[in-house]
Amino acid sequence: MVYLKKSELTLIGVSVSKRHGKAVVRNRIKRLLRAVYYPLVPSIKSGYYIVFLPKVANEYSYKVFSADINYLLKKECLFSDQNVQ
């Protein structure tokens, strides 16, 4: 899930609740999400607050997060160049 809000600069955050598991699991989820969106930051339009809220799942992987984040950013037209994968 992604929450968006217009702003003057672009800020990206990750929120993982305790429902996902203990601190080790939550930190792994945050590391995976950051690893996915850091390379995308230069291609994201400026002027948004973006907050990623992952859904609870049995297993978390880079591949799934990458596909989900790319889909959500394309859906919201947040890529400055829509040819980004």
C-alpha atoms as a PDB file:
ATOM      1  CA  MET A   1       0.000   0.000   0.000  1.00  0.00           C
ATOM      2  CA  VAL A   2       1.258   3.487  -0.775  1.00  0.00           C
ATOM      3  CA  TYR A   3       0.141   6.774   0.738  1.00  0.00           C
ATOM      4  CA  LEU A   4       0.833   9.954  -1.226  1.00  0.00           C
ATOM      5  CA  LYS A   5       0.714  13.616  -0.330  1.00  0.00           C
ATOM      6  CA  LYS A   6       1.849  16.615  -2.353  1.00  0.00           C
ATOM      7  CA  SER A   7       4.764  18.578  -0.904  1.00  0.00           C
ATOM      8  CA  GLU A   8       7.633  20.807  -1.951  1.00  0.00           C
ATOM      9  CA  LEU A   9      10.238  18.053  -1.852  1.00  0.00           C
ATOM     10  CA  THR A  10      10.171  14.284  -2.182  1.00  0.00           C
ATOM     11  CA  LEU A  11      10.406  12.211   0.987  1.00  0.00           C
ATOM     12  CA  ILE A  12      10.020   8.449   1.124  1.00  0.00           C
ATOM     13  CA  GLY A  13       9.256   6.439   4.244  1.00  0.00           C
ATOM     14  CA  VAL A  14       8.561   2.870   5.287  1.00  0.00           C
ATOM     15  CA  SER A  15       6.217   1.818   8.082  1.00  0.00           C
ATOM     16  CA  VAL A  16       6.147  -1.794   9.275  1.00  0.00           C
ATOM     17  CA  SER A  17       3.828  -2.732  12.144  1.00  0.00           C
ATOM     18  CA  LYS A  18       4.361  -5.314  14.860  1.00  0.00           C
ATOM     19  CA  ARG A  19       1.856  -7.580  13.129  1.00  0.00           C
ATOM     20  CA  HIS A  20       4.678  -8.525  10.721  1.00  0.00           C
ATOM     21  CA  GLY A  21       6.699 -10.178  13.477  1.00  0.00           C
ATOM     22  CA  LYS A  22       9.583  -9.455  15.789  1.00  0.00           C
ATOM     23  CA  ALA A  23      12.164  -6.717  15.248  1.00  0.00           C
ATOM     24  CA  VAL A  24      14.444  -8.900  13.122  1.00  0.00           C
ATOM     25  CA  VAL A  25      11.656  -9.586  10.624  1.00  0.00           C
ATOM     26  CA  ARG A  26      10.462  -5.967  10.568  1.00  0.00           C
ATOM     27  CA  ASN A  27      13.997  -4.697   9.955  1.00  0.00           C
ATOM     28  CA  ARG A  28      14.477  -7.183   7.112  1.00  0.00           C
ATOM     29  CA  ILE A  29      11.262  -5.944   5.470  1.00  0.00           C
ATOM     30  CA  LYS A  30      12.451  -2.331   5.780  1.00  0.00           C
ATOM     31  CA  ARG A  31      15.859  -3.218   4.298  1.00  0.00           C
ATOM     32  CA  LEU A  32      14.205  -4.997   1.362  1.00  0.00           C
ATOM     33  CA  LEU A  33      11.890  -2.058   0.652  1.00  0.00           C
ATOM     34  CA  ARG A  34      14.741   0.449   0.808  1.00  0.00           C
ATOM     35  CA  ALA A  35      16.846  -1.719  -1.514  1.00  0.00           C
ATOM     36  CA  VAL A  36      13.993  -1.638  -4.034  1.00  0.00           C
ATOM     37  CA  TYR A  37      13.214   2.077  -3.987  1.00  0.00           C
ATOM     38  CA  TYR A  38      16.726   3.597  -3.638  1.00  0.00           C
ATOM     39  CA  PRO A  39      17.612   2.941  -7.317  1.00  0.00           C
ATOM     40  CA  LEU A  40      14.216   4.370  -8.340  1.00  0.00           C
ATOM     41  CA  VAL A  41      14.553   7.685  -6.470  1.00  0.00           C
ATOM     42  CA  PRO A  42      16.188   9.611  -9.370  1.00  0.00           C
ATOM     43  CA  SER A  43      13.342   8.617 -11.699  1.00  0.00           C
ATOM     44  CA  ILE A  44      10.500   9.537  -9.301  1.00  0.00           C
ATOM     45  CA  LYS A  45       8.790  12.902  -9.781  1.00  0.00           C
ATOM     46  CA  SER A  46       9.601  15.444  -7.109  1.00  0.00           C
ATOM     47  CA  GLY A  47       7.049  16.998  -4.808  1.00  0.00           C
ATOM     48  CA  TYR A  48       5.549  14.022  -2.961  1.00  0.00           C
ATOM     49  CA  TYR A  49       5.591  12.379   0.432  1.00  0.00           C
ATOM     50  CA  ILE A  50       5.509   8.630  -0.225  1.00  0.00           C
ATOM     51  CA  VAL A  51       4.910   6.088   2.547  1.00  0.00           C
ATOM     52  CA  PHE A  52       5.132   2.355   1.889  1.00  0.00           C
ATOM     53  CA  LEU A  53       3.053   0.057   4.125  1.00  0.00           C
ATOM     54  CA  PRO A  54       3.652  -3.621   3.313  1.00  0.00           C
ATOM     55  CA  LYS A  55       0.896  -6.155   3.825  1.00  0.00           C
ATOM     56  CA  VAL A  56       1.411  -9.070   6.186  1.00  0.00           C
ATOM     57  CA  ALA A  57       2.590 -12.183   4.326  1.00  0.00           C
ATOM     58  CA  ASN A  58       4.198 -15.532   5.070  1.00  0.00           C
ATOM     59  CA  GLU A  59       7.315 -14.706   3.076  1.00  0.00           C
ATOM     60  CA  TYR A  60       8.924 -11.470   1.911  1.00  0.00           C
ATOM     61  CA  SER A  61      11.243 -11.226  -1.087  1.00  0.00           C
ATOM     62  CA  TYR A  62      13.042  -8.573  -3.088  1.00  0.00           C
ATOM     63  CA  LYS A  63      11.374  -9.760  -6.300  1.00  0.00           C
ATOM     64  CA  VAL A  64       7.834  -9.355  -4.937  1.00  0.00           C
ATOM     65  CA  PHE A  65       8.534  -5.933  -3.404  1.00  0.00           C
ATOM     66  CA  SER A  66      10.199  -4.769  -6.628  1.00  0.00           C
ATOM     67  CA  ALA A  67       7.219  -5.769  -8.752  1.00  0.00           C
ATOM     68  CA  ASP A  68       4.734  -4.227  -6.296  1.00  0.00           C
ATOM     69  CA  ILE A  69       6.558  -0.902  -5.924  1.00  0.00           C
ATOM     70  CA  ASN A  70       7.065  -0.528  -9.677  1.00  0.00           C
ATOM     71  CA  TYR A  71       3.392  -1.303 -10.274  1.00  0.00           C
ATOM     72  CA  LEU A  72       2.211   1.192  -7.644  1.00  0.00           C
ATOM     73  CA  LEU A  73       4.507   3.991  -8.822  1.00  0.00           C
ATOM     74  CA  LYS A  74       3.435   3.460 -12.439  1.00  0.00           C
ATOM     75  CA  LYS A  75      -0.228   3.337 -11.411  1.00  0.00           C
ATOM     76  CA  GLU A  76       0.093   6.700  -9.628  1.00  0.00           C
ATOM     77  CA  CYS A  77       2.126   8.160 -12.562  1.00  0.00           C
ATOM     78  CA  LEU A  78       5.038   9.035 -10.286  1.00  0.00           C
ATOM     79  CA  PHE A  79       7.840   8.162 -12.685  1.00  0.00           C
ATOM     80  CA  SER A  80       9.272  11.188 -14.466  1.00  0.00           C
ATOM     81  CA  ASP A  81      10.004   8.833 -17.373  1.00  0.00           C
ATOM     82  CA  GLN A  82       7.377   6.083 -17.764  1.00  0.00           C
ATOM     83  CA  ASN A  83       9.923   3.716 -19.444  1.00  0.00           C
ATOM     84  CA  VAL A  84      11.352   2.682 -16.062  1.00  0.00           C
ATOM     85  CA  GLN A  85      11.127  -1.007 -15.083  1.00  0.00           C
END
